[in-house]
Every structure is written in structure tokens, then in C-alpha cells.
Amino acid sequence: MKRALLSLLALAALGLLFFALFKGFGKNPREVPFQLLGQPAPAFSMHTLEGEEVSLQNFRGRPLIINFWSSWCGPCAEEAEVLEAAFRQRKHEVAFLGVVFEDSEAKAKNFLKKYPSSYAQLFSPVSTMAIDYAVTGVPETYFIDAQGNIAGKYAAPILNTRHFDALLRQFLPPPPPLGVPHP
């Protein structure tokens, strides 16, 4: 009797394990619901790698792109030139910020020698901004609307400027012409 009960419990445990594994397959871990969507962007005040202080308030009234990256991240290197090209094309429409994630200042500066950036790069040795923005890895790019709300997050490398433009249209569509009501 005891042996039958133990066998039944083992079979039930095995069944639960198979159920959990089956339900987990095919799921993308980056598709976790993003709790900050539509919420005010967390405020920050940080220094750039050049020592200038920058805060979220500097960008009020203007859409903002925030890209979290690291020197040790291969996909970050791939998208660095894409983001620089997007900045050069769109700098009059949207502001850009880079944020160094879990990296050293020296390594970040060396990365920027190889992949120059014309927009400000923020540095925090303890990644407090990444915690506030719920960053799960790099690269991650956040789209903040002109009202200061998080309009979207893209948790993968941006492959080219067409890809960036598509994300920009998805997350920060242009306002309707004057006299045309919002949908």
C-alpha cells in the first residue's frame, strides 16, 4: 500500500513537471507584460560620461528615445551605428539618450571610441536608472512621448534605420494635423 502511494505521488509529480515544461515551451521571455507602459517615465538625474548632468526634465515636451547598452554586448555594437544614423536623421524630431548598463566607465568610453555617438551617454556605476526602468537586458530601447509617458519598449537590437523608423511610428506616431481630432 505504501509503495503504491509513493508510486502514485511520483507519477503525479512527474506529470506536473511535464505539464510545466510543456506550457513553458514556445514562450518568449522578452514578452513579459511591461508594467510601465503608459506610465510616467521614472525621473532621473545622472551625469554623462563627459560629466554633464542630465535629467528627464530636460526633455519635457519632446519625445525621447532611451537606449540601454553595454560594451560587452555584441548586439549593442551592431545597433550603435544604426542609432547614430537614426539620431542624425531624426534629431530635430526626437531626443536621444544612451545609458551604460552594468559596465565600467573605461570600457564604455573605449566602446564609444569604436562606435562614436553624437548624443549624450549617461553613466551610473550602480545602474539605478536601469532598475527604475525595469531593464531586463541589453540592448533595450524605450520610447517616451512628449508628455513624459513610456509609449513603448523594444527589447532587442534595432537592425537598421527602416526598423528604427517602424518602431518610432509604432510607439510615437506623429500628432494629427491641427483641427483633426485624435482617434
Protein backbone atom coordinates (compact mmCIF):
# COMPACT_ATOMS: atom_id res chain seq x y z
CA MET A 1 0.00 0.00 0.00
CA LYS A 2 2.79 2.39 0.95
CA ARG A 3 4.68 1.53 -2.21
CA ALA A 4 1.59 2.18 -4.38
CA LEU A 5 1.04 5.57 -2.71
CA LEU A 6 4.69 6.57 -3.29
CA SER A 7 4.43 5.46 -6.93
CA LEU A 8 1.25 7.48 -7.37
CA LEU A 9 2.88 10.59 -5.83
CA ALA A 10 5.96 10.18 -8.02
CA LEU A 11 3.76 9.81 -11.10
CA ALA A 12 1.77 12.93 -10.13
CA ALA A 13 4.99 14.90 -9.60
CA LEU A 14 6.31 13.74 -12.96
CA GLY A 15 3.02 14.73 -14.57
CA LEU A 16 3.24 18.22 -13.06
CA LEU A 17 6.82 18.55 -14.29
CA PHE A 18 5.84 17.58 -17.84
CA PHE A 19 2.88 19.98 -17.71
CA ALA A 20 5.12 22.86 -16.56
CA LEU A 21 7.71 22.12 -19.24
CA PHE A 22 5.05 21.80 -21.95
CA LYS A 23 3.39 25.10 -21.00
CA GLY A 24 6.77 26.88 -20.93
CA PHE A 25 7.98 25.82 -24.39
CA GLY A 26 7.40 28.33 -27.15
CA LYS A 27 7.21 31.26 -24.77
CA ASN A 28 9.41 34.26 -25.39
CA PRO A 29 10.83 35.51 -22.06
CA ARG A 30 11.02 39.04 -23.51
CA GLU A 31 7.23 39.04 -23.89
CA VAL A 32 6.67 39.51 -20.17
CA PRO A 33 3.95 42.15 -19.67
CA PHE A 34 5.60 45.55 -19.37
CA GLN A 35 4.12 47.21 -16.29
CA LEU A 36 5.48 50.70 -17.09
CA LEU A 37 3.70 51.00 -20.44
CA GLY A 38 1.65 54.20 -20.48
CA GLN A 39 3.03 55.27 -17.11
CA PRO A 40 5.09 58.41 -16.48
CA ALA A 41 8.75 57.71 -17.23
CA PRO A 42 10.73 57.36 -13.99
CA ALA A 43 12.55 60.60 -13.23
CA PHE A 44 16.34 60.57 -13.33
CA SER A 45 19.22 62.95 -12.89
CA MET A 46 22.56 61.48 -13.94
CA HIS A 47 25.91 62.50 -15.32
CA THR A 48 27.07 61.83 -18.83
CA LEU A 49 30.41 60.17 -19.46
CA GLU A 50 31.71 63.73 -20.00
CA GLY A 51 30.43 64.85 -16.58
CA GLU A 52 27.40 66.93 -17.66
CA GLU A 53 24.27 66.48 -15.54
CA VAL A 54 21.13 65.42 -17.45
CA SER A 55 17.63 64.85 -16.11
CA LEU A 56 14.32 63.73 -17.56
CA GLN A 57 13.06 67.30 -17.08
CA ASN A 58 15.48 68.44 -19.82
CA PHE A 59 13.27 66.65 -22.36
CA ARG A 60 9.75 67.70 -21.30
CA GLY A 61 7.59 68.50 -24.30
CA ARG A 62 9.76 66.46 -26.67
CA PRO A 63 9.71 62.73 -27.46
CA LEU A 64 12.76 60.88 -26.10
CA ILE A 65 14.50 57.66 -27.11
CA ILE A 66 16.49 55.99 -24.30
CA ASN A 67 18.80 53.12 -25.27
CA PHE A 68 20.42 50.93 -22.59
CA TRP A 69 23.65 49.30 -23.79
CA SER A 70 26.95 47.76 -22.65
CA SER A 71 30.40 47.43 -24.18
CA TRP A 72 30.31 43.64 -23.67
CA CYS A 73 27.04 43.31 -25.62
CA GLY A 74 27.56 42.16 -29.23
CA PRO A 75 24.07 43.23 -30.41
CA CYS A 76 24.68 46.66 -28.83
CA ALA A 77 27.69 47.11 -31.10
CA GLU A 78 25.57 46.09 -34.11
CA GLU A 79 22.89 48.67 -33.33
CA ALA A 80 25.22 51.52 -32.27
CA GLU A 81 25.73 52.71 -35.85
CA VAL A 82 22.01 52.34 -36.58
CA LEU A 83 21.09 54.52 -33.60
CA GLU A 84 23.70 57.11 -34.57
CA ALA A 85 22.27 57.26 -38.11
CA ALA A 86 18.72 57.48 -36.72
CA PHE A 87 19.81 60.30 -34.41
CA ARG A 88 21.34 62.25 -37.29
CA GLN A 89 18.13 61.84 -39.33
CA ARG A 90 15.64 62.48 -36.51
CA LYS A 91 17.42 64.76 -34.00
CA HIS A 92 15.04 67.64 -34.77
CA GLU A 93 12.00 65.45 -34.02
CA VAL A 94 13.13 63.34 -31.06
CA ALA A 95 15.83 63.48 -28.41
CA PHE A 96 18.18 60.54 -27.84
CA LEU A 97 20.00 59.29 -24.74
CA GLY A 98 22.25 56.31 -24.26
CA VAL A 99 22.59 54.71 -20.84
CA VAL A 100 25.54 52.48 -19.97
CA PHE A 101 24.27 49.31 -18.30
CA GLU A 102 26.37 47.25 -15.85
CA ASP A 103 29.69 48.27 -17.31
CA SER A 104 32.77 50.23 -16.33
CA GLU A 105 33.29 53.82 -17.35
CA ALA A 106 36.61 52.96 -19.04
CA LYS A 107 35.10 50.15 -21.12
CA ALA A 108 32.14 52.32 -22.10
CA LYS A 109 34.48 55.11 -23.26
CA ASN A 110 36.54 52.62 -25.28
CA PHE A 111 33.35 51.30 -26.89
CA LEU A 112 32.39 54.87 -27.86
CA LYS A 113 35.81 55.38 -29.48
CA LYS A 114 34.99 52.48 -31.80
CA TYR A 115 31.28 53.39 -32.17
CA PRO A 116 31.06 57.19 -31.76
CA SER A 117 27.82 58.73 -30.58
CA SER A 118 26.66 62.31 -31.13
CA TYR A 119 24.04 62.13 -28.37
CA ALA A 120 24.60 62.09 -24.60
CA GLN A 121 25.63 58.83 -22.89
CA LEU A 122 24.64 58.55 -19.23
CA PHE A 123 26.65 56.55 -16.74
CA SER A 124 25.64 55.13 -13.37
CA PRO A 125 28.03 52.72 -11.68
CA VAL A 126 25.12 51.08 -9.82
CA SER A 127 22.56 51.03 -12.68
CA THR A 128 19.82 52.72 -10.64
CA MET A 129 18.14 54.08 -13.78
CA ALA A 130 18.05 50.58 -15.28
CA ILE A 131 16.32 49.32 -12.14
CA ASP A 132 13.76 52.15 -12.29
CA TYR A 133 13.05 51.38 -15.95
CA ALA A 134 12.82 47.60 -15.32
CA VAL A 135 15.59 46.80 -17.79
CA THR A 136 15.88 43.04 -18.26
CA GLY A 137 18.95 43.02 -20.53
CA VAL A 138 20.66 44.90 -23.30
CA PRO A 139 20.06 46.29 -25.74
CA GLU A 140 16.73 47.76 -24.68
CA THR A 141 15.26 50.92 -26.15
CA TYR A 142 12.50 52.96 -24.53
CA PHE A 143 10.20 55.37 -26.34
CA ILE A 144 8.99 58.27 -24.16
CA ASP A 145 6.26 60.52 -25.57
CA ALA A 146 6.28 64.33 -25.39
CA GLN A 147 4.14 64.18 -22.23
CA GLY A 148 6.80 62.13 -20.46
CA ASN A 149 4.97 58.77 -20.55
CA ILE A 150 6.50 55.47 -21.62
CA ALA A 151 4.95 54.75 -25.01
CA GLY A 152 6.87 51.53 -25.65
CA LYS A 153 9.91 49.37 -25.12
CA TYR A 154 11.88 47.32 -27.63
CA ALA A 155 13.99 44.58 -26.03
CA ALA A 156 16.19 43.53 -28.96
CA PRO A 157 18.72 45.13 -31.28
CA ILE A 158 17.42 47.66 -33.79
CA LEU A 159 18.67 46.30 -37.10
CA ASN A 160 18.63 49.31 -39.45
CA THR A 161 17.14 52.79 -39.82
CA ARG A 162 13.99 51.42 -41.51
CA HIS A 163 13.48 49.19 -38.46
CA PHE A 164 14.00 52.21 -36.20
CA ASP A 165 11.52 54.28 -38.23
CA ALA A 166 8.93 51.49 -37.96
CA LEU A 167 9.39 51.36 -34.17
CA LEU A 168 9.14 55.14 -34.00
CA ARG A 169 5.85 55.11 -35.95
CA GLN A 170 4.56 52.27 -33.76
CA PHE A 171 5.39 53.85 -30.42
CA LEU A 172 5.45 57.58 -31.18
CA PRO A 173 3.09 58.25 -34.08
CA PRO A 174 3.04 61.86 -35.27
CA PRO A 175 0.23 64.02 -33.90
CA PRO A 176 -2.70 64.65 -36.24
CA PRO A 177 -2.73 67.93 -38.20
CA LEU A 178 -4.33 70.90 -36.47
CA GLY A 179 -8.12 70.68 -36.48
CA VAL A 180 -8.15 66.88 -36.82
CA PRO A 181 -9.28 65.13 -33.59
CA HIS A 182 -7.28 62.25 -32.11
CA PRO A 183 -8.88 58.82 -32.74
